[in-house]
Protein backbone atom coordinates (compact mmCIF):
# COMPACT_ATOMS: atom_id res chain seq x y z
CA MET A 1 4.82 10.05 -20.08
CA SER A 2 2.44 7.25 -19.16
CA THR A 3 -0.59 7.65 -16.93
CA LEU A 4 -0.37 5.83 -13.59
CA GLN A 5 -1.43 2.18 -13.95
CA ASN A 6 -1.07 0.77 -10.43
CA LYS A 7 -2.58 1.85 -7.14
CA ILE A 8 -0.08 3.14 -4.59
CA ASP A 9 -0.25 3.35 -0.81
CA PHE A 10 2.35 4.96 1.42
CA VAL A 11 3.23 5.56 5.06
CA ALA A 12 5.90 8.00 6.25
CA LEU A 13 7.26 8.05 9.80
CA VAL A 14 8.17 11.58 10.87
CA SER A 15 10.18 12.42 13.96
CA VAL A 16 9.80 15.80 15.70
CA SER A 17 12.30 16.95 18.30
CA MET A 18 12.13 20.35 20.03
CA ALA A 19 9.99 21.81 17.24
CA ASN A 20 6.44 22.98 16.61
CA ALA A 21 5.28 20.46 14.02
CA ASN A 22 2.04 22.32 13.19
CA GLY A 23 0.81 25.23 15.30
CA ASP A 24 -2.89 25.72 16.00
CA PRO A 25 -3.84 29.40 15.42
CA LEU A 26 -6.97 28.94 17.55
CA ASN A 27 -4.87 27.80 20.52
CA GLY A 28 -2.05 30.36 20.72
CA ASN A 29 -0.10 28.50 18.01
CA ARG A 30 0.56 25.56 20.34
CA PRO A 31 1.34 22.27 18.55
CA ARG A 32 -1.89 20.59 17.51
CA THR A 33 -3.11 17.80 19.78
CA ASP A 34 -6.31 15.82 20.13
CA TYR A 35 -8.24 15.41 23.39
CA ASN A 36 -6.08 12.42 24.35
CA GLY A 37 -2.81 14.31 23.96
CA PHE A 38 -1.72 12.78 20.66
CA GLY A 39 0.02 15.20 18.31
CA GLU A 40 -1.46 16.07 14.93
CA ILE A 41 -0.19 17.59 11.68
CA SER A 42 -3.03 18.63 9.39
CA ASP A 43 -3.28 17.32 5.84
CA VAL A 44 -3.31 20.95 4.63
CA CYS A 45 0.06 21.54 6.31
CA ILE A 46 1.52 18.40 4.72
CA LYS A 47 0.22 19.33 1.25
CA ARG A 48 1.75 22.79 1.62
CA LYS A 49 5.16 21.24 2.27
CA ILE A 50 4.75 18.86 -0.69
CA ARG A 51 3.83 21.79 -2.95
CA ASN A 52 6.92 23.67 -1.77
CA ARG A 53 9.10 20.67 -2.59
CA MET A 54 7.46 20.40 -6.04
CA GLN A 55 8.51 24.00 -6.67
CA ASP A 56 12.02 23.26 -5.43
CA LEU A 57 12.20 20.41 -7.96
CA GLY A 58 11.23 22.73 -10.80
CA HIS A 59 7.53 21.96 -11.22
CA LYS A 60 4.76 24.55 -11.67
CA VAL A 61 2.39 24.85 -8.70
CA PHE A 62 -0.98 26.61 -8.63
CA VAL A 63 -1.40 27.13 -4.86
CA GLN A 64 1.77 29.01 -3.93
CA SER A 65 2.77 30.64 -0.65
CA GLU A 66 3.22 34.39 -0.84
CA ASP A 67 6.94 34.15 -0.04
CA ARG A 68 7.45 31.49 -2.75
CA CYS A 69 5.56 33.14 -5.61
CA ASP A 70 7.54 32.53 -8.79
CA ASP A 71 5.25 33.92 -11.51
CA GLY A 72 4.41 37.43 -10.29
CA CYS A 73 0.70 36.66 -9.79
CA GLY A 74 -0.83 38.15 -6.67
CA SER A 75 -3.79 35.79 -6.31
CA LEU A 76 -5.14 32.43 -7.44
CA SER A 77 -7.67 34.21 -9.63
CA GLU A 78 -4.91 36.17 -11.37
CA ARG A 79 -2.81 33.02 -11.85
CA ALA A 80 -5.75 31.12 -13.33
CA ALA A 81 -6.69 33.99 -15.64
CA ALA A 82 -3.11 34.28 -16.92
CA VAL A 83 -3.19 30.69 -18.19
CA LEU A 84 -6.85 29.82 -18.67
CA LYS A 85 -8.31 33.10 -19.92
CA GLY A 86 -10.80 32.53 -22.70
CA VAL A 87 -11.36 28.83 -21.96
CA LYS A 88 -15.11 28.40 -21.59
CA ASN A 89 -15.55 24.63 -21.80
CA ARG A 90 -15.36 23.08 -18.30
CA GLU A 91 -13.61 19.89 -19.41
CA GLU A 92 -11.04 21.82 -21.40
CA TYR A 93 -10.53 24.19 -18.46
CA ALA A 94 -9.87 21.29 -16.07
CA GLN A 95 -7.61 19.51 -18.57
CA LYS A 96 -5.46 22.58 -19.21
CA ALA A 97 -5.21 23.31 -15.48
CA CYS A 98 -4.03 19.76 -14.82
CA GLU A 99 -1.48 19.94 -17.65
CA THR A 100 -0.13 23.28 -16.38
CA TRP A 101 0.11 22.76 -12.61
CA MET A 102 1.40 19.65 -10.95
CA ASP A 103 -0.42 20.21 -7.64
CA VAL A 104 -3.76 20.45 -9.48
CA ARG A 105 -3.38 17.07 -11.17
CA THR A 106 -2.04 15.67 -7.87
CA PHE A 107 -4.40 16.99 -5.17
CA GLY A 108 -7.18 18.48 -7.26
CA GLN A 109 -8.52 22.03 -7.04
CA VAL A 110 -11.76 23.99 -7.02
CA PHE A 111 -11.77 26.89 -9.46
CA ALA A 112 -14.62 29.13 -8.35
CA PHE A 113 -13.78 32.50 -9.83
CA LYS A 114 -16.25 35.14 -11.01
CA GLY A 115 -15.87 38.07 -13.36
CA LYS A 116 -14.72 38.51 -16.92
CA ASP A 117 -11.01 38.01 -16.11
CA ALA A 118 -11.67 34.46 -14.94
CA GLY A 119 -14.34 33.80 -17.52
CA GLY A 120 -16.95 33.18 -14.82
CA VAL A 121 -15.82 29.57 -14.69
CA SER A 122 -16.49 27.30 -11.72
CA VAL A 123 -14.73 23.95 -12.08
CA GLY A 124 -13.90 21.19 -9.60
CA VAL A 125 -11.00 18.78 -10.13
CA ARG A 126 -10.63 15.68 -7.94
CA GLY A 127 -7.01 14.71 -7.46
CA PRO A 128 -5.72 11.13 -7.15
CA VAL A 129 -3.39 11.72 -4.17
CA SER A 130 -5.10 11.69 -0.78
CA ILE A 131 -3.24 12.58 2.41
CA HIS A 132 -4.41 11.80 5.95
CA GLN A 133 -3.57 14.08 8.83
CA ALA A 134 -0.46 12.76 10.57
CA VAL A 135 -0.95 11.57 14.16
CA SER A 136 1.73 10.81 16.75
CA VAL A 137 2.19 7.21 17.83
CA SER A 138 2.27 8.22 21.52
CA PRO A 139 0.91 11.24 23.40
CA ILE A 140 3.28 14.19 23.08
CA GLU A 141 4.66 16.55 25.71
CA VAL A 142 4.34 20.22 24.77
CA GLN A 143 6.84 22.66 26.28
CA SER A 144 6.39 26.45 26.39
CA LEU A 145 9.06 29.12 26.60
CA GLN A 146 8.61 32.86 27.12
CA ILE A 147 10.51 34.90 24.54
CA THR A 148 11.07 38.51 23.45
CA LYS A 149 9.19 38.90 20.19
CA SER A 150 10.34 42.36 19.12
CA VAL A 151 12.01 45.61 20.18
CA ASN A 152 11.84 49.15 18.83
CA GLY A 153 14.88 49.63 16.63
CA GLU A 154 13.92 52.88 14.86
CA PRO A 155 16.75 55.47 14.99
CA GLY A 156 16.08 58.61 16.99
CA GLU A 157 13.10 57.17 18.83
CA LYS A 158 12.89 56.39 22.49
CA ARG A 159 13.29 52.66 23.05
CA SER A 160 9.90 51.10 23.75
CA SER A 161 9.18 48.20 26.04
CA ASP A 162 9.96 44.77 24.69
CA THR A 163 7.06 42.74 23.36
CA MET A 164 6.88 39.40 25.11
CA GLY A 165 5.47 36.22 23.68
CA MET A 166 5.43 32.44 24.00
CA LYS A 167 7.18 29.79 21.95
CA HIS A 168 5.75 26.28 22.03
CA PHE A 169 7.40 23.06 20.89
CA VAL A 170 7.08 19.28 21.03
CA GLN A 171 9.69 17.64 23.27
CA PHE A 172 9.66 14.56 21.04
CA GLY A 173 7.10 12.88 18.85
CA LEU A 174 6.96 10.16 16.22
CA TYR A 175 4.16 10.87 13.74
CA GLU A 176 2.62 8.51 11.20
CA LEU A 177 1.66 10.06 7.86
CA LYS A 178 -0.57 7.97 5.57
CA GLY A 179 -1.75 8.39 2.01
CA SER A 180 -2.81 6.75 -1.24
CA ILE A 181 -2.82 7.34 -4.99
CA ASN A 182 -5.99 6.38 -6.87
CA VAL A 183 -5.56 5.19 -10.47
CA GLN A 184 -9.10 6.03 -11.65
CA LEU A 185 -8.66 9.67 -10.62
CA ALA A 186 -5.12 9.72 -12.01
CA GLU A 187 -6.55 8.82 -15.42
CA LYS A 188 -8.87 11.83 -15.24
CA THR A 189 -6.22 14.38 -14.25
CA GLY A 190 -3.35 12.94 -16.31
CA PHE A 191 -1.29 12.09 -13.23
CA THR A 192 1.65 10.02 -14.52
CA GLU A 193 4.12 7.42 -13.32
CA GLU A 194 6.73 10.20 -13.33
CA ASP A 195 4.47 12.36 -11.16
CA ALA A 196 4.22 9.52 -8.63
CA GLN A 197 8.02 9.41 -8.44
CA VAL A 198 8.06 13.16 -7.79
CA VAL A 199 5.54 12.75 -4.95
CA LYS A 200 7.70 9.97 -3.50
CA GLU A 201 10.77 12.23 -3.58
CA CYS A 202 8.80 15.11 -2.06
CA LEU A 203 7.76 12.87 0.84
CA ARG A 204 11.28 11.56 1.35
CA THR A 205 12.67 15.11 1.50
CA LEU A 206 9.58 16.72 3.05
CA PHE A 207 11.42 19.10 5.38
CA VAL A 208 14.17 20.29 3.05
CA ASN A 209 14.09 24.13 2.82
CA ASP A 210 11.41 24.18 5.53
CA ALA A 211 13.46 25.51 8.46
CA SER A 212 12.12 28.31 10.64
CA ALA A 213 12.40 29.55 14.21
CA ALA A 214 9.67 27.06 15.14
CA ARG A 215 11.26 24.22 13.13
CA PRO A 216 15.08 24.52 13.17
CA ASP A 217 17.01 22.48 10.62
CA GLY A 218 17.22 18.87 11.77
CA SER A 219 14.35 19.12 14.26
CA MET A 220 11.91 17.39 11.89
CA GLU A 221 12.77 14.53 9.55
CA VAL A 222 11.23 11.70 7.60
CA VAL A 223 12.73 8.64 9.26
CA THR A 224 11.32 6.00 6.91
CA LEU A 225 8.98 6.00 3.92
CA TYR A 226 7.03 2.82 3.07
CA TRP A 227 5.83 2.77 -0.56
CA TRP A 228 3.50 -0.02 -1.74
CA ARG A 229 2.85 -0.41 -5.46
CA HIS A 230 -0.03 -2.80 -6.13
CA ASN A 231 -0.14 -5.02 -9.22
CA CYS A 232 -3.51 -3.68 -10.40
CA LYS A 233 -5.60 -0.51 -10.58
CA GLU A 234 -7.96 -1.31 -7.72
CA GLY A 235 -5.30 -2.59 -5.34
CA GLN A 236 -4.64 -6.07 -3.99
CA TYR A 237 -5.63 -4.95 -0.48
CA SER A 238 -7.57 -2.03 0.93
CA SER A 239 -5.58 1.07 1.83
CA ALA A 240 -6.68 0.68 5.45
CA ARG A 241 -5.22 -2.82 5.65
CA VAL A 242 -1.99 -1.73 3.98
CA HIS A 243 -1.58 1.20 6.36
CA ARG A 244 -2.30 -1.05 9.36
CA SER A 245 0.51 -3.38 8.34
CA VAL A 246 3.00 -0.91 9.85
CA LYS A 247 3.14 -1.77 13.56
CA ILE A 248 4.78 0.62 16.03
CA ALA A 249 5.09 -0.06 19.76
CA LEU A 250 7.17 1.27 22.63
CA LYS A 251 9.97 -1.00 23.78
CA ASP A 252 9.12 -0.03 27.35
CA PRO A 253 5.47 1.01 27.84
CA GLU A 254 6.44 2.87 31.01
CA LEU A 255 9.05 4.96 29.18
CA ILE A 256 8.44 8.47 27.86
CA PRO A 257 9.89 8.24 24.33
CA SER A 258 12.73 10.60 23.46
CA SER A 259 13.88 9.13 20.13
CA VAL A 260 12.87 6.75 17.34
CA GLY A 261 15.08 4.13 19.02
CA ASP A 262 12.54 3.86 21.84
CA TYR A 263 10.09 2.18 19.44
CA VAL A 264 9.89 -1.25 17.82
CA ILE A 265 8.73 -0.91 14.20
CA THR A 266 7.58 -4.02 12.34
CA LEU A 267 5.69 -4.84 9.14
CA ASP A 268 2.91 -7.39 8.81
CA GLU A 269 3.36 -9.53 5.70
CA LEU A 270 0.87 -8.96 2.88
CA PRO A 271 1.29 -11.88 0.44
CA GLY A 272 2.13 -10.62 -3.03
CA LEU A 273 2.67 -7.02 -1.92
CA GLU A 274 6.10 -5.94 -0.71
CA PRO A 275 6.78 -2.28 0.10
CA GLU A 276 9.76 -0.29 -1.02
CA VAL A 277 11.35 0.87 2.24
CA ILE A 278 13.14 4.19 1.86
CA ASP A 279 15.20 5.90 4.52
CA GLY A 280 14.90 9.66 4.82
CA LEU A 281 17.77 12.09 4.30
């Protein structure tokens, strides 16, 4: 497998319909919004979904959700100790971690574990793949619905009062997810051309196996993925300019958007750099 040789930029357009794209625990789990009403999906949330897809595709992941644990380890410290126990040299520690776990060589990781089981090692790895938080193209409308959260179903016990709660969702939103892959950092972590293809596939299928009560199947999808592969390590254009080349505007500025069809999506030409345009599932 060859180490990545060309800088990559990408933009994914994500549609959200009647779903909670990313709840804010500090605001009653309402969909995240900024002060101007634009919807947000945190970069941490996006990386979690990418890690889940990496697991689905058969790759080892260091930062696993509790319900997706596939190695029997109950903590990050335990997982690190199981593989890296006895490694004292920091460079060797980072190298072995990158070789073992795809998310480490992709996003990086801070290993700050104490005690004899972890070898007292504190190591930082910078990953080549950077993800911005996704932001909606237009302000979103958040709806709230009162629901019954739970009832007492224990046999032989008197039925207790229902527990009431609130369910929040985005009526419709089109979010723009941006990111880049840095070659210099890829060389340090061993991130390969094959790894870049896996990241591309993870982005294209970001919401596969991600359904929940807050995000029913089909309520969130990657509409289009734009993938720019530069002809050099540093990039022919800055990532900011590449990301700005995707232009999205409402067909009718007075209209409240209810689907992707309410937008006009165009691409500014960047001489010598053509994106691969990939439709979602």
